[in-house]
Amino acid sequence: MRARVTGRMARNERGRTRIGGLDVEIRLGKAGDEIKHSDRCLQQFEDFCVVTESVRRGIPVGVRVLDSTGRTLYEA
């Protein structure tokens, strides 16, 4: 199995560059008709994918900026 992810860049409402979306291509190591229960698997796999569902729902991001002495200058 191989997976390839391609990011699409976009500008937000303030003109800043952001990741506008991700396209994932999964290439299996066998022909589809050689895989048992492939129909059932394809209907369910995204629901069980930790990464896909986490990213789609938005992962909370904490940011902290420290100076060279370890003092916190910014935290959000």
PDB file of N, CA and C in Angstrom:
ATOM      1  N   MET A   1       0.845  -1.162   0.000  1.00  0.00           N
ATOM      2  CA  MET A   1       0.000   0.000   0.000  1.00  0.00           C
ATOM      3  C   MET A   1       0.893   1.228   0.000  1.00  0.00           C
ATOM      4  N   ARG A   2       0.474   2.220  -0.760  1.00  0.00           N
ATOM      5  CA  ARG A   2       1.164   3.509  -0.782  1.00  0.00           C
ATOM      6  C   ARG A   2       0.123   4.608  -0.687  1.00  0.00           C
ATOM      7  N   ALA A   3       0.503   5.695  -0.039  1.00  0.00           N
ATOM      8  CA  ALA A   3      -0.392   6.853   0.036  1.00  0.00           C
ATOM      9  C   ALA A   3       0.383   8.094  -0.369  1.00  0.00           C
ATOM     10  N   ARG A   4      -0.299   8.968  -1.087  1.00  0.00           N
ATOM     11  CA  ARG A   4       0.300  10.236  -1.487  1.00  0.00           C
ATOM     12  C   ARG A   4      -0.671  11.347  -1.102  1.00  0.00           C
ATOM     13  N   VAL A   5      -0.151  12.366  -0.452  1.00  0.00           N
ATOM     14  CA  VAL A   5      -0.958  13.507  -0.044  1.00  0.00           C
ATOM     15  C   VAL A   5      -0.443  14.736  -0.776  1.00  0.00           C
ATOM     16  N   THR A   6      -1.353  15.462  -1.393  1.00  0.00           N
ATOM     17  CA  THR A   6      -1.009  16.689  -2.097  1.00  0.00           C
ATOM     18  C   THR A   6      -1.759  17.838  -1.440  1.00  0.00           C
ATOM     19  N   GLY A   7      -1.028  18.858  -1.047  1.00  0.00           N
ATOM     20  CA  GLY A   7      -1.647  20.027  -0.429  1.00  0.00           C
ATOM     21  C   GLY A   7      -1.981  21.081  -1.476  1.00  0.00           C
ATOM     22  N   ARG A   8      -3.099  21.761  -1.256  1.00  0.00           N
ATOM     23  CA  ARG A   8      -3.506  22.868  -2.120  1.00  0.00           C
ATOM     24  C   ARG A   8      -3.416  24.153  -1.317  1.00  0.00           C
ATOM     25  N   MET A   9      -2.676  25.105  -1.837  1.00  0.00           N
ATOM     26  CA  MET A   9      -2.511  26.381  -1.148  1.00  0.00           C
ATOM     27  C   MET A   9      -3.667  27.311  -1.524  1.00  0.00           C
ATOM     28  N   ALA A  10      -4.029  28.184  -0.595  1.00  0.00           N
ATOM     29  CA  ALA A  10      -5.105  29.147  -0.815  1.00  0.00           C
ATOM     30  C   ALA A  10      -4.807  30.392   0.021  1.00  0.00           C
ATOM     31  N   ARG A  11      -5.486  31.445  -0.278  1.00  0.00           N
ATOM     32  CA  ARG A  11      -5.350  32.677   0.513  1.00  0.00           C
ATOM     33  C   ARG A  11      -6.606  32.852   1.368  1.00  0.00           C
ATOM     34  N   ASN A  12      -6.391  33.272   2.604  1.00  0.00           N
ATOM     35  CA  ASN A  12      -7.537  33.527   3.480  1.00  0.00           C
ATOM     36  C   ASN A  12      -8.097  34.918   3.200  1.00  0.00           C
ATOM     37  N   GLU A  13      -9.086  35.320   3.982  1.00  0.00           N
ATOM     38  CA  GLU A  13      -9.752  36.604   3.762  1.00  0.00           C
ATOM     39  C   GLU A  13      -8.815  37.805   3.932  1.00  0.00           C
ATOM     40  N   ARG A  14      -7.683  37.618   4.620  1.00  0.00           N
ATOM     41  CA  ARG A  14      -6.709  38.695   4.801  1.00  0.00           C
ATOM     42  C   ARG A  14      -5.543  38.580   3.813  1.00  0.00           C
ATOM     43  N   GLY A  15      -5.659  37.654   2.860  1.00  0.00           N
ATOM     44  CA  GLY A  15      -4.635  37.507   1.842  1.00  0.00           C
ATOM     45  C   GLY A  15      -3.432  36.680   2.266  1.00  0.00           C
ATOM     46  N   ARG A  16      -3.509  36.026   3.408  1.00  0.00           N
ATOM     47  CA  ARG A  16      -2.407  35.195   3.899  1.00  0.00           C
ATOM     48  C   ARG A  16      -2.492  33.805   3.294  1.00  0.00           C
ATOM     49  N   THR A  17      -1.338  33.247   2.950  1.00  0.00           N
ATOM     50  CA  THR A  17      -1.296  31.907   2.376  1.00  0.00           C
ATOM     51  C   THR A  17      -1.558  30.858   3.453  1.00  0.00           C
ATOM     52  N   ARG A  18      -2.434  29.936   3.142  1.00  0.00           N
ATOM     53  CA  ARG A  18      -2.793  28.853   4.057  1.00  0.00           C
ATOM     54  C   ARG A  18      -2.941  27.561   3.252  1.00  0.00           C
ATOM     55  N   ILE A  19      -3.056  26.455   3.953  1.00  0.00           N
ATOM     56  CA  ILE A  19      -3.368  25.187   3.302  1.00  0.00           C
ATOM     57  C   ILE A  19      -4.871  25.195   3.040  1.00  0.00           C
ATOM     58  N   GLY A  20      -5.229  25.162   1.777  1.00  0.00           N
ATOM     59  CA  GLY A  20      -6.637  25.237   1.402  1.00  0.00           C
ATOM     60  C   GLY A  20      -7.317  23.883   1.373  1.00  0.00           C
ATOM     61  N   GLY A  21      -6.525  22.828   1.311  1.00  0.00           N
ATOM     62  CA  GLY A  21      -7.096  21.492   1.295  1.00  0.00           C
ATOM     63  C   GLY A  21      -6.021  20.454   1.054  1.00  0.00           C
ATOM     64  N   LEU A  22      -6.373  19.222   1.297  1.00  0.00           N
ATOM     65  CA  LEU A  22      -5.470  18.094   1.095  1.00  0.00           C
ATOM     66  C   LEU A  22      -6.175  17.044   0.258  1.00  0.00           C
ATOM     67  N   ASP A  23      -5.465  16.499  -0.716  1.00  0.00           N
ATOM     68  CA  ASP A  23      -5.988  15.411  -1.529  1.00  0.00           C
ATOM     69  C   ASP A  23      -5.143  14.178  -1.256  1.00  0.00           C
ATOM     70  N   VAL A  24      -5.785  13.075  -0.907  1.00  0.00           N
ATOM     71  CA  VAL A  24      -5.086  11.833  -0.575  1.00  0.00           C
ATOM     72  C   VAL A  24      -5.387  10.785  -1.639  1.00  0.00           C
ATOM     73  N   GLU A  25      -4.342  10.150  -2.137  1.00  0.00           N
ATOM     74  CA  GLU A  25      -4.487   9.028  -3.067  1.00  0.00           C
ATOM     75  C   GLU A  25      -3.870   7.806  -2.408  1.00  0.00           C
ATOM     76  N   ILE A  26      -4.670   6.759  -2.252  1.00  0.00           N
ATOM     77  CA  ILE A  26      -4.206   5.507  -1.648  1.00  0.00           C
ATOM     78  C   ILE A  26      -4.145   4.463  -2.749  1.00  0.00           C
ATOM     79  N   ARG A  27      -2.983   3.861  -2.912  1.00  0.00           N
ATOM     80  CA  ARG A  27      -2.809   2.829  -3.937  1.00  0.00           C
ATOM     81  C   ARG A  27      -2.593   1.494  -3.231  1.00  0.00           C
ATOM     82  N   LEU A  28      -3.508   0.552  -3.459  1.00  0.00           N
ATOM     83  CA  LEU A  28      -3.443  -0.758  -2.824  1.00  0.00           C
ATOM     84  C   LEU A  28      -2.479  -1.672  -3.565  1.00  0.00           C
ATOM     85  N   GLY A  29      -2.006  -2.687  -2.885  1.00  0.00           N
ATOM     86  CA  GLY A  29      -1.052  -3.618  -3.467  1.00  0.00           C
ATOM     87  C   GLY A  29      -1.672  -4.757  -4.242  1.00  0.00           C
ATOM     88  N   LYS A  30      -3.006  -4.806  -4.308  1.00  0.00           N
ATOM     89  CA  LYS A  30      -3.714  -5.865  -5.036  1.00  0.00           C
ATOM     90  C   LYS A  30      -4.826  -5.239  -5.857  1.00  0.00           C
ATOM     91  N   ALA A  31      -5.303  -5.991  -6.840  1.00  0.00           N
ATOM     92  CA  ALA A  31      -6.477  -5.570  -7.606  1.00  0.00           C
ATOM     93  C   ALA A  31      -7.696  -5.600  -6.682  1.00  0.00           C
ATOM     94  N   GLY A  32      -8.627  -4.695  -6.909  1.00  0.00           N
ATOM     95  CA  GLY A  32      -9.806  -4.602  -6.055  1.00  0.00           C
ATOM     96  C   GLY A  32     -10.584  -5.891  -5.926  1.00  0.00           C
ATOM     97  N   ASP A  33     -10.703  -6.656  -7.004  1.00  0.00           N
ATOM     98  CA  ASP A  33     -11.476  -7.900  -6.934  1.00  0.00           C
ATOM     99  C   ASP A  33     -10.731  -9.024  -6.223  1.00  0.00           C
ATOM    100  N   GLU A  34      -9.484  -8.811  -5.863  1.00  0.00           N
ATOM    101  CA  GLU A  34      -8.723  -9.799  -5.090  1.00  0.00           C
ATOM    102  C   GLU A  34      -8.819  -9.553  -3.579  1.00  0.00           C
ATOM    103  N   ILE A  35      -9.447  -8.470  -3.188  1.00  0.00           N
ATOM    104  CA  ILE A  35      -9.506  -8.091  -1.772  1.00  0.00           C
ATOM    105  C   ILE A  35     -10.873  -8.482  -1.212  1.00  0.00           C
ATOM    106  N   LYS A  36     -10.859  -9.381  -0.225  1.00  0.00           N
ATOM    107  CA  LYS A  36     -12.102  -9.828   0.395  1.00  0.00           C
ATOM    108  C   LYS A  36     -12.774  -8.661   1.110  1.00  0.00           C
ATOM    109  N   HIS A  37     -14.069  -8.587   0.998  1.00  0.00           N
ATOM    110  CA  HIS A  37     -14.894  -7.583   1.672  1.00  0.00           C
ATOM    111  C   HIS A  37     -14.493  -6.155   1.305  1.00  0.00           C
ATOM    112  N   SER A  38     -13.957  -5.939   0.113  1.00  0.00           N
ATOM    113  CA  SER A  38     -13.496  -4.598  -0.260  1.00  0.00           C
ATOM    114  C   SER A  38     -14.633  -3.582  -0.258  1.00  0.00           C
ATOM    115  N   ASP A  39     -15.830  -3.974  -0.695  1.00  0.00           N
ATOM    116  CA  ASP A  39     -16.962  -3.037  -0.689  1.00  0.00           C
ATOM    117  C   ASP A  39     -17.252  -2.540   0.717  1.00  0.00           C
ATOM    118  N   ARG A  40     -17.313  -3.461   1.666  1.00  0.00           N
ATOM    119  CA  ARG A  40     -17.589  -3.098   3.058  1.00  0.00           C
ATOM    120  C   ARG A  40     -16.474  -2.219   3.628  1.00  0.00           C
ATOM    121  N   CYS A  41     -15.236  -2.587   3.333  1.00  0.00           N
ATOM    122  CA  CYS A  41     -14.089  -1.815   3.826  1.00  0.00           C
ATOM    123  C   CYS A  41     -14.120  -0.388   3.292  1.00  0.00           C
ATOM    124  N   LEU A  42     -14.398  -0.231   2.004  1.00  0.00           N
ATOM    125  CA  LEU A  42     -14.410   1.097   1.398  1.00  0.00           C
ATOM    126  C   LEU A  42     -15.540   1.969   1.939  1.00  0.00           C
ATOM    127  N   GLN A  43     -16.631   1.358   2.330  1.00  0.00           N
ATOM    128  CA  GLN A  43     -17.741   2.122   2.899  1.00  0.00           C
ATOM    129  C   GLN A  43     -17.415   2.631   4.299  1.00  0.00           C
ATOM    130  N   GLN A  44     -16.513   1.963   5.006  1.00  0.00           N
ATOM    131  CA  GLN A  44     -16.253   2.283   6.411  1.00  0.00           C
ATOM    132  C   GLN A  44     -14.901   2.920   6.702  1.00  0.00           C
ATOM    133  N   PHE A  45     -13.930   2.822   5.793  1.00  0.00           N
ATOM    134  CA  PHE A  45     -12.564   3.118   6.177  1.00  0.00           C
ATOM    135  C   PHE A  45     -12.342   4.551   6.642  1.00  0.00           C
ATOM    136  N   GLU A  46     -12.987   5.543   6.038  1.00  0.00           N
ATOM    137  CA  GLU A  46     -12.752   6.923   6.467  1.00  0.00           C
ATOM    138  C   GLU A  46     -13.225   7.171   7.895  1.00  0.00           C
ATOM    139  N   ASP A  47     -14.308   6.522   8.282  1.00  0.00           N
ATOM    140  CA  ASP A  47     -14.831   6.695   9.641  1.00  0.00           C
ATOM    141  C   ASP A  47     -13.833   6.205  10.685  1.00  0.00           C
ATOM    142  N   PHE A  48     -13.006   5.231  10.332  1.00  0.00           N
ATOM    143  CA  PHE A  48     -12.033   4.679  11.266  1.00  0.00           C
ATOM    144  C   PHE A  48     -10.645   5.291  11.106  1.00  0.00           C
ATOM    145  N   CYS A  49     -10.456   6.188  10.151  1.00  0.00           N
ATOM    146  CA  CYS A  49      -9.141   6.776   9.911  1.00  0.00           C
ATOM    147  C   CYS A  49      -8.884   7.901  10.912  1.00  0.00           C
ATOM    148  N   VAL A  50      -7.936   7.697  11.783  1.00  0.00           N
ATOM    149  CA  VAL A  50      -7.621   8.663  12.836  1.00  0.00           C
ATOM    150  C   VAL A  50      -7.190  10.003  12.243  1.00  0.00           C
ATOM    151  N   VAL A  51      -6.311   9.980  11.261  1.00  0.00           N
ATOM    152  CA  VAL A  51      -5.780  11.221  10.689  1.00  0.00           C
ATOM    153  C   VAL A  51      -6.857  11.989   9.938  1.00  0.00           C
ATOM    154  N   THR A  52      -7.564  11.321   9.032  1.00  0.00           N
ATOM    155  CA  THR A  52      -8.576  12.006   8.225  1.00  0.00           C
ATOM    156  C   THR A  52      -9.630  12.668   9.091  1.00  0.00           C
ATOM    157  N   GLU A  53     -10.193  11.946  10.008  1.00  0.00           N
ATOM    158  CA  GLU A  53     -11.256  12.506  10.840  1.00  0.00           C
ATOM    159  C   GLU A  53     -10.742  13.595  11.771  1.00  0.00           C
ATOM    160  N   SER A  54      -9.523  13.474  12.260  1.00  0.00           N
ATOM    161  CA  SER A  54      -8.954  14.513  13.123  1.00  0.00           C
ATOM    162  C   SER A  54      -8.741  15.806  12.353  1.00  0.00           C
ATOM    163  N   VAL A  55      -8.169  15.707  11.163  1.00  0.00           N
ATOM    164  CA  VAL A  55      -7.899  16.900  10.361  1.00  0.00           C
ATOM    165  C   VAL A  55      -9.197  17.532   9.890  1.00  0.00           C
ATOM    166  N   ARG A  56     -10.142  16.743   9.451  1.00  0.00           N
ATOM    167  CA  ARG A  56     -11.421  17.292   8.989  1.00  0.00           C
ATOM    168  C   ARG A  56     -12.137  18.061  10.075  1.00  0.00           C
ATOM    169  N   ARG A  57     -12.057  17.602  11.266  1.00  0.00           N
ATOM    170  CA  ARG A  57     -12.755  18.259  12.373  1.00  0.00           C
ATOM    171  C   ARG A  57     -11.931  19.387  12.997  1.00  0.00           C
ATOM    172  N   GLY A  58     -10.694  19.508  12.574  1.00  0.00           N
ATOM    173  CA  GLY A  58      -9.839  20.575  13.091  1.00  0.00           C
ATOM    174  C   GLY A  58      -9.150  20.147  14.375  1.00  0.00           C
ATOM    175  N   ILE A  59      -7.852  20.149  14.355  1.00  0.00           N
ATOM    176  CA  ILE A  59      -7.065  19.774  15.520  1.00  0.00           C
ATOM    177  C   ILE A  59      -6.721  21.054  16.271  1.00  0.00           C
ATOM    178  N   PRO A  60      -7.063  21.151  17.559  1.00  0.00           N
ATOM    179  CA  PRO A  60      -6.683  22.336  18.315  1.00  0.00           C
ATOM    180  C   PRO A  60      -5.162  22.491  18.320  1.00  0.00           C
ATOM    181  N   VAL A  61      -4.702  23.711  18.098  1.00  0.00           N
ATOM    182  CA  VAL A  61      -3.272  23.982  18.038  1.00  0.00           C
ATOM    183  C   VAL A  61      -2.913  24.965  19.142  1.00  0.00           C
ATOM    184  N   GLY A  62      -1.960  24.574  19.980  1.00  0.00           N
ATOM    185  CA  GLY A  62      -1.414  25.478  20.991  1.00  0.00           C
ATOM    186  C   GLY A  62      -0.085  26.013  20.495  1.00  0.00           C
ATOM    187  N   VAL A  63       0.169  27.298  20.698  1.00  0.00           N
ATOM    188  CA  VAL A  63       1.413  27.923  20.242  1.00  0.00           C
ATOM    189  C   VAL A  63       2.074  28.610  21.431  1.00  0.00           C
ATOM    190  N   ARG A  64       3.376  28.362  21.553  1.00  0.00           N
ATOM    191  CA  ARG A  64       4.148  29.046  22.597  1.00  0.00           C
ATOM    192  C   ARG A  64       5.470  29.472  21.992  1.00  0.00           C
ATOM    193  N   VAL A  65       5.849  30.740  22.201  1.00  0.00           N
ATOM    194  CA  VAL A  65       7.126  31.261  21.724  1.00  0.00           C
ATOM    195  C   VAL A  65       7.984  31.543  22.943  1.00  0.00           C
ATOM    196  N   LEU A  66       9.192  30.937  22.956  1.00  0.00           N
ATOM    197  CA  LEU A  66      10.127  31.141  24.063  1.00  0.00           C
ATOM    198  C   LEU A  66      11.385  31.831  23.548  1.00  0.00           C
ATOM    199  N   ASP A  67      11.994  32.648  24.404  1.00  0.00           N
ATOM    200  CA  ASP A  67      13.266  33.241  24.006  1.00  0.00           C
ATOM    201  C   ASP A  67      14.402  32.294  24.361  1.00  0.00           C
ATOM    202  N   SER A  68      15.644  32.721  24.142  1.00  0.00           N
ATOM    203  CA  SER A  68      16.797  31.838  24.351  1.00  0.00           C
ATOM    204  C   SER A  68      17.016  31.446  25.803  1.00  0.00           C
ATOM    205  N   THR A  69      16.391  32.170  26.751  1.00  0.00           N
ATOM    206  CA  THR A  69      16.536  31.828  28.165  1.00  0.00           C
ATOM    207  C   THR A  69      15.424  30.886  28.635  1.00  0.00           C
ATOM    208  N   GLY A  70      14.476  30.604  27.755  1.00  0.00           N
ATOM    209  CA  GLY A  70      13.363  29.739  28.121  1.00  0.00           C
ATOM    210  C   GLY A  70      12.153  30.499  28.617  1.00  0.00           C
ATOM    211  N   ARG A  71      12.203  31.826  28.612  1.00  0.00           N
ATOM    212  CA  ARG A  71      11.080  32.651  29.063  1.00  0.00           C
ATOM    213  C   ARG A  71      10.008  32.684  27.975  1.00  0.00           C
ATOM    214  N   THR A  72       8.751  32.467  28.379  1.00  0.00           N
ATOM    215  CA  THR A  72       7.638  32.493  27.429  1.00  0.00           C
ATOM    216  C   THR A  72       7.329  33.932  27.042  1.00  0.00           C
ATOM    217  N   LEU A  73       7.386  34.203  25.738  1.00  0.00           N
ATOM    218  CA  LEU A  73       7.076  35.528  25.227  1.00  0.00           C
ATOM    219  C   LEU A  73       5.648  35.628  24.710  1.00  0.00           C
ATOM    220  N   TYR A  74       5.121  34.491  24.283  1.00  0.00           N
ATOM    221  CA  TYR A  74       3.777  34.472  23.710  1.00  0.00           C
ATOM    222  C   TYR A  74       3.197  33.080  23.899  1.00  0.00           C
ATOM    223  N   GLU A  75       1.907  33.040  24.238  1.00  0.00           N
ATOM    224  CA  GLU A  75       1.233  31.750  24.357  1.00  0.00           C
ATOM    225  C   GLU A  75      -0.223  31.923  23.979  1.00  0.00           C
ATOM    226  N   ALA A  76      -0.708  31.025  23.149  1.00  0.00           N
ATOM    227  CA  ALA A  76      -2.116  31.094  22.748  1.00  0.00           C
ATOM    228  C   ALA A  76      -2.648  29.676  22.618  1.00  0.00           C
TER     229      ALA A  76
END
